[in-house]
Amino acid sequence: MIYAAQDTLDPYPSIILVSPEYLTSSPWKKAITTLRDDRVVDRIVVDEAHLVLKPDERISLKNIGEATKHLAPCRILMTATLPKASEAEFCSVLDIDNPYFVRRSTNRPNLRFQWVQCAPDITDQLAAASTPGV
């Protein structure tokens, strides 16, 4: 289910997708309270969690730590780009005690990338096509 403020939550959801803006809203807190109290929620997963360290990101991202800490016994905060040097700040911002970091190689030998030179007019056509109102 993708959560919106007017939604009523299923009493036994297998997964709920919610945007960071809703995590601190009153309707979300009210909707999730019963699930939390009934211990239906066993984990919270946040993708692109490293964005909490970027000063120009949405203020709602800064509240993810507080908004998710008491919702489930397990929080999984995913990021593929958090530098090792930023781990302490990351944990502080997200209010994480005793973190467990999993780092793996990003090498994917099954993927290939190719650079193709396009004619200059194609670049102009693509830019024009992506302009609103064109």
C-alpha atoms as a PDB file:
ATOM      1  CA  MET A   1       0.000   0.000   0.000  1.00  0.00           C
ATOM      2  CA  ILE A   2       1.185   3.526  -0.730  1.00  0.00           C
ATOM      3  CA  TYR A   3       0.105   5.714   2.172  1.00  0.00           C
ATOM      4  CA  ALA A   4      -1.681   9.042   1.677  1.00  0.00           C
ATOM      5  CA  ALA A   5      -3.071  11.184   4.497  1.00  0.00           C
ATOM      6  CA  GLN A   6      -6.689  10.218   3.847  1.00  0.00           C
ATOM      7  CA  ASP A   7      -5.934   6.484   3.930  1.00  0.00           C
ATOM      8  CA  THR A   8      -6.883   4.019   6.625  1.00  0.00           C
ATOM      9  CA  LEU A   9      -4.172   1.436   7.135  1.00  0.00           C
ATOM     10  CA  ASP A  10      -4.801  -2.258   6.647  1.00  0.00           C
ATOM     11  CA  PRO A  11      -4.541  -3.921  10.100  1.00  0.00           C
ATOM     12  CA  TYR A  12      -1.956  -6.408   8.770  1.00  0.00           C
ATOM     13  CA  PRO A  13      -0.065  -4.727   5.934  1.00  0.00           C
ATOM     14  CA  SER A  14       2.876  -6.538   4.383  1.00  0.00           C
ATOM     15  CA  ILE A  15       4.449  -3.266   3.280  1.00  0.00           C
ATOM     16  CA  ILE A  16       3.604   0.430   3.522  1.00  0.00           C
ATOM     17  CA  LEU A  17       5.317   3.044   1.378  1.00  0.00           C
ATOM     18  CA  VAL A  18       5.295   6.511   2.881  1.00  0.00           C
ATOM     19  CA  SER A  19       7.054   9.711   1.867  1.00  0.00           C
ATOM     20  CA  PRO A  20       9.310  11.512   4.366  1.00  0.00           C
ATOM     21  CA  GLU A  21       6.843  14.417   4.518  1.00  0.00           C
ATOM     22  CA  TYR A  22       4.153  12.149   5.982  1.00  0.00           C
ATOM     23  CA  LEU A  23       6.385  10.601   8.652  1.00  0.00           C
ATOM     24  CA  THR A  24       5.920  13.570  10.969  1.00  0.00           C
ATOM     25  CA  SER A  25       2.308  14.381  10.049  1.00  0.00           C
ATOM     26  CA  SER A  26      -0.534  13.905  12.525  1.00  0.00           C
ATOM     27  CA  PRO A  27      -2.583  11.617  10.215  1.00  0.00           C
ATOM     28  CA  TRP A  28       0.397   9.272   9.738  1.00  0.00           C
ATOM     29  CA  LYS A  29       1.217   9.177  13.456  1.00  0.00           C
ATOM     30  CA  LYS A  30      -2.410   8.387  14.251  1.00  0.00           C
ATOM     31  CA  ALA A  31      -2.627   5.714  11.533  1.00  0.00           C
ATOM     32  CA  ILE A  32       0.600   3.968  12.507  1.00  0.00           C
ATOM     33  CA  THR A  33       0.072   4.062  16.289  1.00  0.00           C
ATOM     34  CA  THR A  34      -2.240   1.037  16.361  1.00  0.00           C
ATOM     35  CA  LEU A  35       0.082  -1.015  14.173  1.00  0.00           C
ATOM     36  CA  ARG A  36       3.013  -0.097  16.379  1.00  0.00           C
ATOM     37  CA  ASP A  37       1.142  -0.846  19.592  1.00  0.00           C
ATOM     38  CA  ASP A  38      -0.029  -4.206  18.212  1.00  0.00           C
ATOM     39  CA  ARG A  39       3.569  -4.953  17.166  1.00  0.00           C
ATOM     40  CA  VAL A  40       2.539  -5.497  13.553  1.00  0.00           C
ATOM     41  CA  VAL A  41       5.431  -3.426  12.211  1.00  0.00           C
ATOM     42  CA  ASP A  42       8.661  -5.393  12.485  1.00  0.00           C
ATOM     43  CA  ARG A  43      10.967  -3.168  10.462  1.00  0.00           C
ATOM     44  CA  ILE A  44      11.241   0.246   8.858  1.00  0.00           C
ATOM     45  CA  VAL A  45      13.285   0.585   5.664  1.00  0.00           C
ATOM     46  CA  VAL A  46      14.511   3.974   4.447  1.00  0.00           C
ATOM     47  CA  ASP A  47      16.244   4.175   1.074  1.00  0.00           C
ATOM     48  CA  GLU A  48      18.702   6.939   0.164  1.00  0.00           C
ATOM     49  CA  ALA A  49      19.151   7.636   3.879  1.00  0.00           C
ATOM     50  CA  HIS A  50      22.424   9.496   3.250  1.00  0.00           C
ATOM     51  CA  LEU A  51      20.323  12.471   2.113  1.00  0.00           C
ATOM     52  CA  VAL A  52      19.843  13.457   5.767  1.00  0.00           C
ATOM     53  CA  LEU A  53      23.419  14.774   5.653  1.00  0.00           C
ATOM     54  CA  LYS A  54      22.844  17.094   2.690  1.00  0.00           C
ATOM     55  CA  PRO A  55      22.091  20.634   3.870  1.00  0.00           C
ATOM     56  CA  ASP A  56      19.890  21.471   0.886  1.00  0.00           C
ATOM     57  CA  GLU A  57      17.555  18.493   1.189  1.00  0.00           C
ATOM     58  CA  ARG A  58      13.954  18.643   2.391  1.00  0.00           C
ATOM     59  CA  ILE A  59      13.583  19.397   6.086  1.00  0.00           C
ATOM     60  CA  SER A  60      11.332  16.327   6.414  1.00  0.00           C
ATOM     61  CA  LEU A  61      14.351  14.127   5.735  1.00  0.00           C
ATOM     62  CA  LYS A  62      16.034  15.546   8.822  1.00  0.00           C
ATOM     63  CA  ASN A  63      13.208  14.142  10.946  1.00  0.00           C
ATOM     64  CA  ILE A  64      13.456  10.548   9.707  1.00  0.00           C
ATOM     65  CA  GLY A  65      15.498   9.466  12.728  1.00  0.00           C
ATOM     66  CA  GLU A  66      12.998  10.749  15.261  1.00  0.00           C
ATOM     67  CA  ALA A  67       9.982   9.674  13.197  1.00  0.00           C
ATOM     68  CA  THR A  68      11.121   6.067  12.736  1.00  0.00           C
ATOM     69  CA  LYS A  69      13.048   5.241  15.905  1.00  0.00           C
ATOM     70  CA  HIS A  70      10.083   3.995  17.928  1.00  0.00           C
ATOM     71  CA  LEU A  71       7.959   2.547  15.113  1.00  0.00           C
ATOM     72  CA  ALA A  72       9.655  -0.819  14.834  1.00  0.00           C
ATOM     73  CA  PRO A  73      12.316  -2.915  16.539  1.00  0.00           C
ATOM     74  CA  CYS A  74      14.478  -2.806  13.403  1.00  0.00           C
ATOM     75  CA  ARG A  75      15.400   0.115  11.170  1.00  0.00           C
ATOM     76  CA  ILE A  76      17.182  -0.538   7.893  1.00  0.00           C
ATOM     77  CA  LEU A  77      18.710   2.627   6.494  1.00  0.00           C
ATOM     78  CA  MET A  78      20.045   2.074   3.007  1.00  0.00           C
ATOM     79  CA  THR A  79      22.580   4.125   1.102  1.00  0.00           C
ATOM     80  CA  ALA A  80      25.140   3.274  -1.530  1.00  0.00           C
ATOM     81  CA  THR A  81      27.111   6.488  -1.185  1.00  0.00           C
ATOM     82  CA  LEU A  82      27.791   7.170   2.499  1.00  0.00           C
ATOM     83  CA  PRO A  83      31.527   7.748   2.999  1.00  0.00           C
ATOM     84  CA  LYS A  84      33.071   5.914   5.946  1.00  0.00           C
ATOM     85  CA  ALA A  85      34.155   9.290   7.334  1.00  0.00           C
ATOM     86  CA  SER A  86      30.480  10.349   7.607  1.00  0.00           C
ATOM     87  CA  GLU A  87      29.251   7.325   9.568  1.00  0.00           C
ATOM     88  CA  ALA A  88      29.385   9.020  12.990  1.00  0.00           C
ATOM     89  CA  GLU A  89      27.451  12.076  11.788  1.00  0.00           C
ATOM     90  CA  PHE A  90      24.944   9.817  10.002  1.00  0.00           C
ATOM     91  CA  CYS A  91      24.317   7.880  13.232  1.00  0.00           C
ATOM     92  CA  SER A  92      24.003  11.078  15.230  1.00  0.00           C
ATOM     93  CA  VAL A  93      21.483  12.686  12.861  1.00  0.00           C
ATOM     94  CA  LEU A  94      19.382   9.510  12.695  1.00  0.00           C
ATOM     95  CA  ASP A  95      19.700   8.763  16.426  1.00  0.00           C
ATOM     96  CA  ILE A  96      21.235   5.324  15.873  1.00  0.00           C
ATOM     97  CA  ASP A  97      22.828   3.398  18.731  1.00  0.00           C
ATOM     98  CA  ASN A  98      25.079   0.419  17.972  1.00  0.00           C
ATOM     99  CA  PRO A  99      24.859   0.518  14.164  1.00  0.00           C
ATOM    100  CA  TYR A 100      25.780  -2.399  11.956  1.00  0.00           C
ATOM    101  CA  PHE A 101      27.167  -1.291   8.600  1.00  0.00           C
ATOM    102  CA  VAL A 102      27.233  -3.608   5.603  1.00  0.00           C
ATOM    103  CA  ARG A 103      29.616  -2.527   2.870  1.00  0.00           C
ATOM    104  CA  ARG A 104      29.981  -4.403  -0.385  1.00  0.00           C
ATOM    105  CA  SER A 105      31.674  -3.793  -3.697  1.00  0.00           C
ATOM    106  CA  THR A 106      29.734  -1.800  -6.259  1.00  0.00           C
ATOM    107  CA  ASN A 107      31.487  -3.632  -9.077  1.00  0.00           C
ATOM    108  CA  ARG A 108      28.886  -5.238 -11.337  1.00  0.00           C
ATOM    109  CA  PRO A 109      30.653  -7.163 -14.127  1.00  0.00           C
ATOM    110  CA  ASN A 110      27.318  -8.122 -15.671  1.00  0.00           C
ATOM    111  CA  LEU A 111      26.579  -4.458 -16.520  1.00  0.00           C
ATOM    112  CA  ARG A 112      28.088  -2.683 -19.490  1.00  0.00           C
ATOM    113  CA  PHE A 113      27.965   1.009 -20.322  1.00  0.00           C
ATOM    114  CA  GLN A 114      28.602   2.541 -23.695  1.00  0.00           C
ATOM    115  CA  TRP A 115      29.200   6.127 -24.742  1.00  0.00           C
ATOM    116  CA  VAL A 116      27.592   7.097 -28.038  1.00  0.00           C
ATOM    117  CA  GLN A 117      28.416  10.418 -29.678  1.00  0.00           C
ATOM    118  CA  CYS A 118      25.244  12.073 -30.982  1.00  0.00           C
ATOM    119  CA  ALA A 119      24.927  14.777 -33.594  1.00  0.00           C
ATOM    120  CA  PRO A 120      24.594  18.259 -32.025  1.00  0.00           C
ATOM    121  CA  ASP A 121      21.063  18.720 -33.379  1.00  0.00           C
ATOM    122  CA  ILE A 122      19.875  15.622 -31.475  1.00  0.00           C
ATOM    123  CA  THR A 123      21.000  17.183 -28.188  1.00  0.00           C
ATOM    124  CA  ASP A 124      19.023  20.326 -29.042  1.00  0.00           C
ATOM    125  CA  GLN A 125      15.964  18.245 -29.950  1.00  0.00           C
ATOM    126  CA  LEU A 126      16.140  16.336 -26.651  1.00  0.00           C
ATOM    127  CA  ALA A 127      16.473  19.582 -24.688  1.00  0.00           C
ATOM    128  CA  ALA A 128      13.480  21.084 -26.515  1.00  0.00           C
ATOM    129  CA  ALA A 129      11.389  17.958 -25.957  1.00  0.00           C
ATOM    130  CA  SER A 130      11.988  18.103 -22.205  1.00  0.00           C
ATOM    131  CA  THR A 131      11.023  21.783 -21.956  1.00  0.00           C
ATOM    132  CA  PRO A 132       7.535  22.274 -20.442  1.00  0.00           C
ATOM    133  CA  GLY A 133       4.951  23.528 -22.898  1.00  0.00           C
ATOM    134  CA  VAL A 134       6.793  22.293 -25.979  1.00  0.00           C
END
